Amino acid sequence: MIKIPPPLADRLPEVQAFRDSLDLETDRGCAIIAASYVDDQLAEMLKAHFVESKRLIKEVFSGSGALSTFSARIDMSFLSGHISKAVQRELHLIRGIRNKFAHAPHPLSFTEPAIEQQCRALAYSHHPKSREPRETSFG
């Protein structure tokens, strides 16, 4: 059994409830909302390590600030040693998947070849590569 540090263990119910809510979403909704959640978590992690300056933090994380994009937050998380190169790669894949869904003028699904390929490229997935990208049952 994996031992999870207390700060993370305290958040597991919240994370599991969020994960469960994704089952109710369309593929587009799932991709955009899940990526947004990860983006927000990166922002919170970075903010936790900055000095107390509400005005400057707000400026840096909003509008055209240096850390206003998912991509910038991923790279800053890597550069500051909070995530590994492998996790940086995974997060950029997730960002790419999100962008495909967010910018397509027509409905998409996780079975679209380009999206399915990116999903299968995720190395940290517990999901067997032989299953459909969004399939959740393990029976």
C-alpha atoms as a PDB file:
ATOM      1  CA  MET A   1       0.000   0.000   0.000  1.00  0.00           C
ATOM      2  CA  ILE A   2       1.258   3.472  -0.899  1.00  0.00           C
ATOM      3  CA  LYS A   3       1.682   5.869   2.010  1.00  0.00           C
ATOM      4  CA  ILE A   4       0.492   9.343   1.036  1.00  0.00           C
ATOM      5  CA  PRO A   5       1.879  12.361   2.942  1.00  0.00           C
ATOM      6  CA  PRO A   6      -0.742  13.997   5.225  1.00  0.00           C
ATOM      7  CA  PRO A   7      -1.166  17.257   3.250  1.00  0.00           C
ATOM      8  CA  LEU A   8      -1.979  15.227   0.151  1.00  0.00           C
ATOM      9  CA  ALA A   9      -4.023  12.618   1.983  1.00  0.00           C
ATOM     10  CA  ASP A  10      -6.233  15.396   3.367  1.00  0.00           C
ATOM     11  CA  ARG A  11      -7.055  16.458  -0.196  1.00  0.00           C
ATOM     12  CA  LEU A  12      -7.832  13.001  -1.581  1.00  0.00           C
ATOM     13  CA  PRO A  13     -11.606  13.227  -1.006  1.00  0.00           C
ATOM     14  CA  GLU A  14     -11.706  16.563  -2.870  1.00  0.00           C
ATOM     15  CA  VAL A  15      -9.614  15.193  -5.725  1.00  0.00           C
ATOM     16  CA  GLN A  16     -11.693  12.004  -5.949  1.00  0.00           C
ATOM     17  CA  ALA A  17     -14.954  13.981  -5.969  1.00  0.00           C
ATOM     18  CA  PHE A  18     -13.556  16.151  -8.763  1.00  0.00           C
ATOM     19  CA  ARG A  19     -12.420  13.066 -10.683  1.00  0.00           C
ATOM     20  CA  ASP A  20     -15.849  11.458 -10.309  1.00  0.00           C
ATOM     21  CA  SER A  21     -17.548  14.625 -11.603  1.00  0.00           C
ATOM     22  CA  LEU A  22     -15.648  14.291 -14.884  1.00  0.00           C
ATOM     23  CA  ASP A  23     -17.653  11.153 -15.721  1.00  0.00           C
ATOM     24  CA  LEU A  24     -20.714  13.382 -16.201  1.00  0.00           C
ATOM     25  CA  GLU A  25     -18.992  15.616 -18.761  1.00  0.00           C
ATOM     26  CA  THR A  26     -18.776  15.393 -22.528  1.00  0.00           C
ATOM     27  CA  ASP A  27     -15.316  14.602 -23.880  1.00  0.00           C
ATOM     28  CA  ARG A  28     -14.779  18.308 -24.583  1.00  0.00           C
ATOM     29  CA  GLY A  29     -15.964  19.289 -21.112  1.00  0.00           C
ATOM     30  CA  CYS A  30     -13.838  16.597 -19.490  1.00  0.00           C
ATOM     31  CA  ALA A  31     -10.660  17.685 -21.284  1.00  0.00           C
ATOM     32  CA  ILE A  32     -11.131  21.390 -20.665  1.00  0.00           C
ATOM     33  CA  ILE A  33     -12.241  21.096 -17.035  1.00  0.00           C
ATOM     34  CA  ALA A  34      -9.575  18.533 -16.077  1.00  0.00           C
ATOM     35  CA  ALA A  35      -6.798  20.620 -17.644  1.00  0.00           C
ATOM     36  CA  SER A  36      -8.153  23.734 -15.934  1.00  0.00           C
ATOM     37  CA  TYR A  37      -8.059  21.952 -12.581  1.00  0.00           C
ATOM     38  CA  VAL A  38      -4.416  20.949 -13.106  1.00  0.00           C
ATOM     39  CA  ASP A  39      -3.590  24.472 -14.275  1.00  0.00           C
ATOM     40  CA  ASP A  40      -5.160  25.920 -11.101  1.00  0.00           C
ATOM     41  CA  GLN A  41      -3.237  23.451  -8.922  1.00  0.00           C
ATOM     42  CA  LEU A  42       0.052  24.478 -10.555  1.00  0.00           C
ATOM     43  CA  ALA A  43      -0.774  28.127  -9.903  1.00  0.00           C
ATOM     44  CA  GLU A  44      -1.537  27.413  -6.241  1.00  0.00           C
ATOM     45  CA  MET A  45       1.675  25.417  -5.846  1.00  0.00           C
ATOM     46  CA  LEU A  46       3.751  28.237  -7.331  1.00  0.00           C
ATOM     47  CA  LYS A  47       1.979  30.928  -5.287  1.00  0.00           C
ATOM     48  CA  ALA A  48       2.694  28.987  -2.092  1.00  0.00           C
ATOM     49  CA  HIS A  49       6.419  29.501  -2.668  1.00  0.00           C
ATOM     50  CA  PHE A  50       6.339  33.211  -3.444  1.00  0.00           C
ATOM     51  CA  VAL A  51       6.794  36.023  -0.954  1.00  0.00           C
ATOM     52  CA  GLU A  52       3.637  37.711   0.323  1.00  0.00           C
ATOM     53  CA  SER A  53       2.685  40.332  -2.265  1.00  0.00           C
ATOM     54  CA  LYS A  54      -0.977  40.030  -3.228  1.00  0.00           C
ATOM     55  CA  ARG A  55      -0.831  42.795  -5.825  1.00  0.00           C
ATOM     56  CA  LEU A  56       2.238  41.434  -7.616  1.00  0.00           C
ATOM     57  CA  ILE A  57       1.046  37.821  -7.474  1.00  0.00           C
ATOM     58  CA  LYS A  58      -2.301  38.865  -8.976  1.00  0.00           C
ATOM     59  CA  GLU A  59      -0.463  40.787 -11.702  1.00  0.00           C
ATOM     60  CA  VAL A  60       1.859  37.889 -12.556  1.00  0.00           C
ATOM     61  CA  PHE A  61      -0.948  35.301 -12.727  1.00  0.00           C
ATOM     62  CA  SER A  62      -3.591  37.288 -14.615  1.00  0.00           C
ATOM     63  CA  GLY A  63      -4.050  39.108 -17.913  1.00  0.00           C
ATOM     64  CA  SER A  64      -0.799  39.040 -19.822  1.00  0.00           C
ATOM     65  CA  GLY A  65       1.298  38.336 -16.723  1.00  0.00           C
ATOM     66  CA  ALA A  66       4.351  36.107 -16.905  1.00  0.00           C
ATOM     67  CA  LEU A  67       2.498  33.153 -15.325  1.00  0.00           C
ATOM     68  CA  SER A  68      -0.950  33.737 -16.790  1.00  0.00           C
ATOM     69  CA  THR A  69      -0.890  30.703 -19.097  1.00  0.00           C
ATOM     70  CA  PHE A  70      -0.931  26.972 -18.460  1.00  0.00           C
ATOM     71  CA  SER A  71       2.235  26.623 -20.538  1.00  0.00           C
ATOM     72  CA  ALA A  72       4.128  29.225 -18.499  1.00  0.00           C
ATOM     73  CA  ARG A  73       3.002  27.610 -15.235  1.00  0.00           C
ATOM     74  CA  ILE A  74       4.146  24.193 -16.420  1.00  0.00           C
ATOM     75  CA  ASP A  75       7.561  25.489 -17.405  1.00  0.00           C
ATOM     76  CA  MET A  76       8.013  27.584 -14.246  1.00  0.00           C
ATOM     77  CA  SER A  77       7.049  24.554 -12.141  1.00  0.00           C
ATOM     78  CA  PHE A  78       9.804  22.602 -13.883  1.00  0.00           C
ATOM     79  CA  LEU A  79      12.381  25.401 -13.715  1.00  0.00           C
ATOM     80  CA  SER A  80      11.754  25.902  -9.999  1.00  0.00           C
ATOM     81  CA  GLY A  81      12.224  22.193  -9.302  1.00  0.00           C
ATOM     82  CA  HIS A  82       8.615  21.458  -8.331  1.00  0.00           C
ATOM     83  CA  ILE A  83       8.064  18.917 -11.112  1.00  0.00           C
ATOM     84  CA  SER A  84      10.345  16.625 -13.088  1.00  0.00           C
ATOM     85  CA  LYS A  85      11.094  16.817 -16.814  1.00  0.00           C
ATOM     86  CA  ALA A  86       8.815  13.798 -17.308  1.00  0.00           C
ATOM     87  CA  VAL A  87       5.907  15.500 -15.531  1.00  0.00           C
ATOM     88  CA  GLN A  88       6.545  18.665 -17.542  1.00  0.00           C
ATOM     89  CA  ARG A  89       6.221  16.593 -20.719  1.00  0.00           C
ATOM     90  CA  GLU A  90       2.987  14.988 -19.489  1.00  0.00           C
ATOM     91  CA  LEU A  91       1.469  18.337 -18.573  1.00  0.00           C
ATOM     92  CA  HIS A  92       2.294  19.762 -21.997  1.00  0.00           C
ATOM     93  CA  LEU A  93       0.541  16.746 -23.548  1.00  0.00           C
ATOM     94  CA  ILE A  94      -2.517  17.464 -21.389  1.00  0.00           C
ATOM     95  CA  ARG A  95      -2.329  21.134 -22.422  1.00  0.00           C
ATOM     96  CA  GLY A  96      -2.194  20.098 -26.073  1.00  0.00           C
ATOM     97  CA  ILE A  97      -5.223  17.846 -25.660  1.00  0.00           C
ATOM     98  CA  ARG A  98      -7.094  20.675 -23.926  1.00  0.00           C
ATOM     99  CA  ASN A  99      -6.198  23.074 -26.738  1.00  0.00           C
ATOM    100  CA  LYS A 100      -7.473  20.710 -29.426  1.00  0.00           C
ATOM    101  CA  PHE A 101     -10.853  20.512 -27.674  1.00  0.00           C
ATOM    102  CA  ALA A 102     -11.001  24.202 -26.740  1.00  0.00           C
ATOM    103  CA  HIS A 103     -10.195  25.584 -30.178  1.00  0.00           C
ATOM    104  CA  ALA A 104     -12.085  23.174 -32.435  1.00  0.00           C
ATOM    105  CA  PRO A 105     -15.212  24.704 -33.976  1.00  0.00           C
ATOM    106  CA  HIS A 106     -16.895  21.296 -34.111  1.00  0.00           C
ATOM    107  CA  PRO A 107     -17.478  18.544 -31.521  1.00  0.00           C
ATOM    108  CA  LEU A 108     -14.479  16.297 -30.872  1.00  0.00           C
ATOM    109  CA  SER A 109     -13.982  13.127 -28.892  1.00  0.00           C
ATOM    110  CA  PHE A 110     -11.076  11.323 -27.286  1.00  0.00           C
ATOM    111  CA  THR A 111     -11.226   8.854 -30.186  1.00  0.00           C
ATOM    112  CA  GLU A 112     -10.149  11.498 -32.729  1.00  0.00           C
ATOM    113  CA  PRO A 113      -6.806  10.138 -34.016  1.00  0.00           C
ATOM    114  CA  ALA A 114      -4.666  13.138 -32.991  1.00  0.00           C
ATOM    115  CA  ILE A 115      -6.230  13.294 -29.519  1.00  0.00           C
ATOM    116  CA  GLU A 116      -6.141   9.532 -29.021  1.00  0.00           C
ATOM    117  CA  GLN A 117      -2.449   9.528 -29.974  1.00  0.00           C
ATOM    118  CA  GLN A 118      -1.684  12.216 -27.381  1.00  0.00           C
ATOM    119  CA  CYS A 119      -3.673  10.332 -24.728  1.00  0.00           C
ATOM    120  CA  ARG A 120      -1.753   7.139 -25.444  1.00  0.00           C
ATOM    121  CA  ALA A 121       1.528   9.077 -25.174  1.00  0.00           C
ATOM    122  CA  LEU A 122       0.789   9.845 -21.503  1.00  0.00           C
ATOM    123  CA  ALA A 123       3.319   7.703 -19.647  1.00  0.00           C
ATOM    124  CA  TYR A 124       1.902   8.225 -16.145  1.00  0.00           C
ATOM    125  CA  SER A 125      -1.525   6.871 -17.001  1.00  0.00           C
ATOM    126  CA  HIS A 126      -2.791   3.849 -15.070  1.00  0.00           C
ATOM    127  CA  HIS A 127      -4.928   3.234 -18.138  1.00  0.00           C
ATOM    128  CA  PRO A 128      -3.876   0.258 -20.294  1.00  0.00           C
ATOM    129  CA  LYS A 129      -2.865   1.408 -23.781  1.00  0.00           C
ATOM    130  CA  SER A 130      -5.249  -1.127 -25.334  1.00  0.00           C
ATOM    131  CA  ARG A 131      -8.370   0.578 -23.918  1.00  0.00           C
ATOM    132  CA  GLU A 132     -10.229   3.547 -25.346  1.00  0.00           C
ATOM    133  CA  PRO A 133      -8.738   6.843 -24.070  1.00  0.00           C
ATOM    134  CA  ARG A 134     -11.719   7.693 -21.846  1.00  0.00           C
ATOM    135  CA  GLU A 135     -12.837   4.180 -20.870  1.00  0.00           C
ATOM    136  CA  THR A 136     -13.112   3.958 -17.082  1.00  0.00           C
ATOM    137  CA  SER A 137     -14.245   0.427 -16.305  1.00  0.00           C
ATOM    138  CA  PHE A 138     -11.617  -2.120 -15.401  1.00  0.00           C
ATOM    139  CA  GLY A 139     -13.893  -5.172 -15.303  1.00  0.00           C
END
